[in-house]
Amino acid sequence: MDFVEIEDKLKNDKIPFLEVYSYAAVALIIHKEKGLLIEKRNERLDDPWAGQFALPGGHFKKKDGDLWGTVIREVQEETGLDLNSLKSMGYFGPFSPRNKLDLLVYVFVYVLDENIKDQELKQSSETSYLGWITLDELKKGRKEMDGEIVFNIKEGLIWGMSARILDMFMRMLEN
């Protein structure tokens, strides 16, 4: 994986906020050997994305200051990882979930260097699964279903906005 090429395709400028939208940030965390970090959300009645695979992240809060602050806070809460100690590559997006088109979700890309030994994953109470998926497993599991891209992995099916984000990232790597 050529990280210089990936970084050249990502943005690093300030994201403008428009009052007609709500905002969220997710992290696409890359480990050079293990692949990408994914989680599966717990089953909860008040969560429209319950039980789905996702990238760690969440909704913007004013105390975050900006979406960089959001992704750092949410990833710490959900995984135990401190993004401040990882290499930030930039961001891409926005994406919107099909059931909430006024929500703009930006994807922030980070690289977990294998030299950082004190970063342990700590699964939060919000998730039922937290783990790594290799790029090869994603490539092999990529399918089209009802006109949408999905990823069939051993832990289950990645679909919806998460699949669209991963598909866009995989296409960035291929180009």
Protein backbone atom coordinates (compact mmCIF):
# COMPACT_ATOMS: atom_id res chain seq x y z
CA MET A 1 0.00 0.00 0.00
CA ASP A 2 1.52 3.32 -1.10
CA PHE A 3 0.67 5.82 1.61
CA VAL A 4 2.16 8.80 -0.26
CA GLU A 5 -0.28 8.22 -3.14
CA ILE A 6 -3.20 7.89 -0.72
CA GLU A 7 -2.24 11.07 1.10
CA ASP A 8 -2.10 12.95 -2.22
CA LYS A 9 -5.75 12.02 -2.90
CA LEU A 10 -7.04 13.21 0.49
CA LYS A 11 -7.94 16.70 1.67
CA ASN A 12 -6.51 18.50 4.70
CA ASP A 13 -8.32 21.85 4.59
CA LYS A 14 -11.00 23.15 6.95
CA ILE A 15 -14.51 21.73 6.44
CA PRO A 16 -17.14 24.49 6.19
CA PHE A 17 -20.27 23.94 8.30
CA LEU A 18 -23.67 24.83 6.84
CA GLU A 19 -26.61 25.17 9.24
CA VAL A 20 -28.94 23.00 7.12
CA TYR A 21 -26.83 19.89 7.78
CA SER A 22 -25.71 17.90 10.78
CA TYR A 23 -22.19 16.49 10.75
CA ALA A 24 -20.32 13.37 11.77
CA ALA A 25 -16.82 12.02 11.42
CA VAL A 26 -15.53 8.46 11.14
CA ALA A 27 -11.98 7.14 11.10
CA LEU A 28 -10.55 4.78 8.54
CA ILE A 29 -7.62 3.45 10.55
CA ILE A 30 -5.01 1.50 8.61
CA HIS A 31 -2.55 -0.96 10.12
CA LYS A 32 0.08 -1.91 7.54
CA GLU A 33 -0.18 -5.63 8.35
CA LYS A 34 -3.65 -6.10 9.88
CA GLY A 35 -5.67 -3.96 7.46
CA LEU A 36 -8.57 -1.66 8.39
CA LEU A 37 -10.32 -1.30 11.75
CA ILE A 38 -14.06 -2.00 11.73
CA GLU A 39 -16.71 -2.33 14.40
CA LYS A 40 -20.21 -3.73 14.60
CA ARG A 41 -22.78 -1.60 16.39
CA ASN A 42 -24.79 -3.14 19.23
CA GLU A 43 -28.45 -3.92 18.74
CA ARG A 44 -30.40 -1.00 20.24
CA LEU A 45 -33.92 0.19 19.54
CA ASP A 46 -32.91 3.88 19.51
CA ASP A 47 -30.13 3.37 16.92
CA PRO A 48 -31.16 3.43 13.24
CA TRP A 49 -27.87 1.71 12.34
CA ALA A 50 -27.98 -0.94 15.09
CA GLY A 51 -26.31 -4.23 14.24
CA GLN A 52 -24.45 -2.82 11.25
CA PHE A 53 -20.72 -2.79 10.56
CA ALA A 54 -19.21 0.67 10.64
CA LEU A 55 -16.03 2.64 10.99
CA PRO A 56 -15.46 4.11 14.46
CA GLY A 57 -16.81 7.64 14.81
CA GLY A 58 -19.88 9.66 15.54
CA HIS A 59 -21.75 12.94 15.59
CA PHE A 60 -20.17 16.38 15.92
CA LYS A 61 -20.62 18.17 19.25
CA LYS A 62 -19.84 21.88 19.66
CA LYS A 63 -17.25 21.10 22.35
CA ASP A 64 -15.25 19.21 19.64
CA GLY A 65 -14.46 22.48 17.86
CA ASP A 66 -14.35 20.81 14.45
CA LEU A 67 -14.67 17.39 12.86
CA TRP A 68 -11.02 16.55 13.60
CA GLY A 69 -11.94 16.94 17.28
CA THR A 70 -15.05 14.80 16.75
CA VAL A 71 -13.20 11.89 15.21
CA ILE A 72 -10.48 12.01 17.90
CA ARG A 73 -13.08 11.97 20.72
CA GLU A 74 -15.31 9.30 19.19
CA VAL A 75 -12.47 6.93 18.31
CA GLN A 76 -11.05 7.24 21.83
CA GLU A 77 -14.47 6.43 23.30
CA GLU A 78 -15.18 3.50 20.97
CA THR A 79 -11.77 1.87 20.53
CA GLY A 80 -9.37 3.24 23.14
CA LEU A 81 -7.04 4.50 20.39
CA ASP A 82 -5.57 7.99 20.68
CA LEU A 83 -5.59 9.37 17.14
CA ASN A 84 -3.24 12.18 18.21
CA SER A 85 -0.43 9.62 18.28
CA LEU A 86 -1.24 8.24 14.79
CA LYS A 87 -0.26 9.64 11.41
CA SER A 88 -3.13 11.65 9.95
CA MET A 89 -3.35 11.32 6.17
CA GLY A 90 -6.30 13.67 5.54
CA TYR A 91 -9.98 13.13 4.84
CA PHE A 92 -12.47 12.43 2.07
CA GLY A 93 -16.22 12.69 1.68
CA PRO A 94 -18.83 13.68 2.60
CA PHE A 95 -21.18 10.71 2.56
CA SER A 96 -24.78 10.57 3.75
CA PRO A 97 -26.68 7.58 5.04
CA ARG A 98 -29.68 6.90 2.79
CA ASN A 99 -32.05 7.19 5.77
CA LYS A 100 -30.67 10.60 6.85
CA LEU A 101 -29.68 12.69 3.83
CA ASP A 102 -29.12 15.85 5.92
CA LEU A 103 -26.23 14.17 7.79
CA LEU A 104 -22.82 14.76 6.21
CA VAL A 105 -20.20 12.20 7.27
CA TYR A 106 -16.51 12.83 6.60
CA VAL A 107 -13.92 10.04 6.63
CA PHE A 108 -10.58 10.78 8.30
CA VAL A 109 -7.73 8.45 7.35
CA TYR A 110 -5.06 7.49 9.90
CA VAL A 111 -2.15 5.06 9.87
CA LEU A 112 -1.38 3.02 12.97
CA ASP A 113 2.37 2.57 12.94
CA GLU A 114 3.51 -0.84 14.15
CA ASN A 115 6.13 0.96 16.27
CA ILE A 116 3.38 2.27 18.57
CA LYS A 117 3.18 -0.54 21.12
CA ASP A 118 1.04 1.05 23.85
CA GLN A 119 -2.08 1.41 21.69
CA GLU A 120 -4.45 -1.41 22.63
CA LEU A 121 -7.94 -1.78 21.27
CA LYS A 122 -10.62 -1.48 23.95
CA GLN A 123 -14.07 -2.38 22.71
CA SER A 124 -16.76 -0.02 24.01
CA SER A 125 -20.22 -0.90 25.24
CA GLU A 126 -21.56 0.62 21.98
CA THR A 127 -20.18 -2.23 19.87
CA SER A 128 -20.49 -6.00 19.67
CA TYR A 129 -17.36 -6.43 17.52
CA LEU A 130 -14.11 -4.52 17.07
CA GLY A 131 -11.36 -5.89 14.86
CA TRP A 132 -9.20 -5.72 11.78
CA ILE A 133 -10.10 -6.72 8.24
CA THR A 134 -7.45 -7.18 5.58
CA LEU A 135 -7.65 -5.45 2.24
CA ASP A 136 -7.50 -8.87 0.56
CA GLU A 137 -10.57 -10.03 2.51
CA LEU A 138 -12.40 -6.87 1.48
CA LYS A 139 -11.44 -7.34 -2.18
CA LYS A 140 -12.56 -10.96 -2.17
CA GLY A 141 -15.80 -10.14 -0.39
CA ARG A 142 -16.82 -7.24 -2.67
CA LYS A 143 -20.14 -7.99 -4.35
CA GLU A 144 -23.01 -6.17 -5.97
CA MET A 145 -26.41 -6.82 -4.42
CA ASP A 146 -29.58 -5.08 -5.61
CA GLY A 147 -27.48 -2.44 -7.38
CA GLU A 148 -25.43 -1.66 -4.26
CA ILE A 149 -21.87 -2.61 -3.34
CA VAL A 150 -21.57 -4.84 -0.26
CA PHE A 151 -18.65 -6.65 1.36
CA ASN A 152 -19.24 -10.21 2.51
CA ILE A 153 -16.65 -10.88 5.23
CA LYS A 154 -16.38 -13.76 7.68
CA GLU A 155 -17.94 -11.64 10.48
CA GLY A 156 -20.98 -10.71 8.35
CA LEU A 157 -22.13 -8.29 5.67
CA ILE A 158 -20.88 -4.71 5.38
CA TRP A 159 -23.47 -2.66 3.52
CA GLY A 160 -24.95 0.82 3.25
CA MET A 161 -22.83 3.91 3.80
CA SER A 162 -19.97 1.89 5.34
CA ALA A 163 -19.74 -0.21 2.17
CA ARG A 164 -19.83 2.92 0.00
CA ILE A 165 -16.99 4.44 2.05
CA LEU A 166 -14.88 1.28 1.85
CA ASP A 167 -15.58 0.93 -1.88
CA MET A 168 -14.46 4.53 -2.49
CA PHE A 169 -11.30 3.93 -0.46
CA MET A 170 -10.54 0.69 -2.34
CA ARG A 171 -10.97 2.53 -5.65
CA MET A 172 -8.55 5.23 -4.42
CA LEU A 173 -6.00 2.49 -3.77
CA GLU A 174 -6.51 0.96 -7.22
CA ASN A 175 -6.16 4.23 -9.17
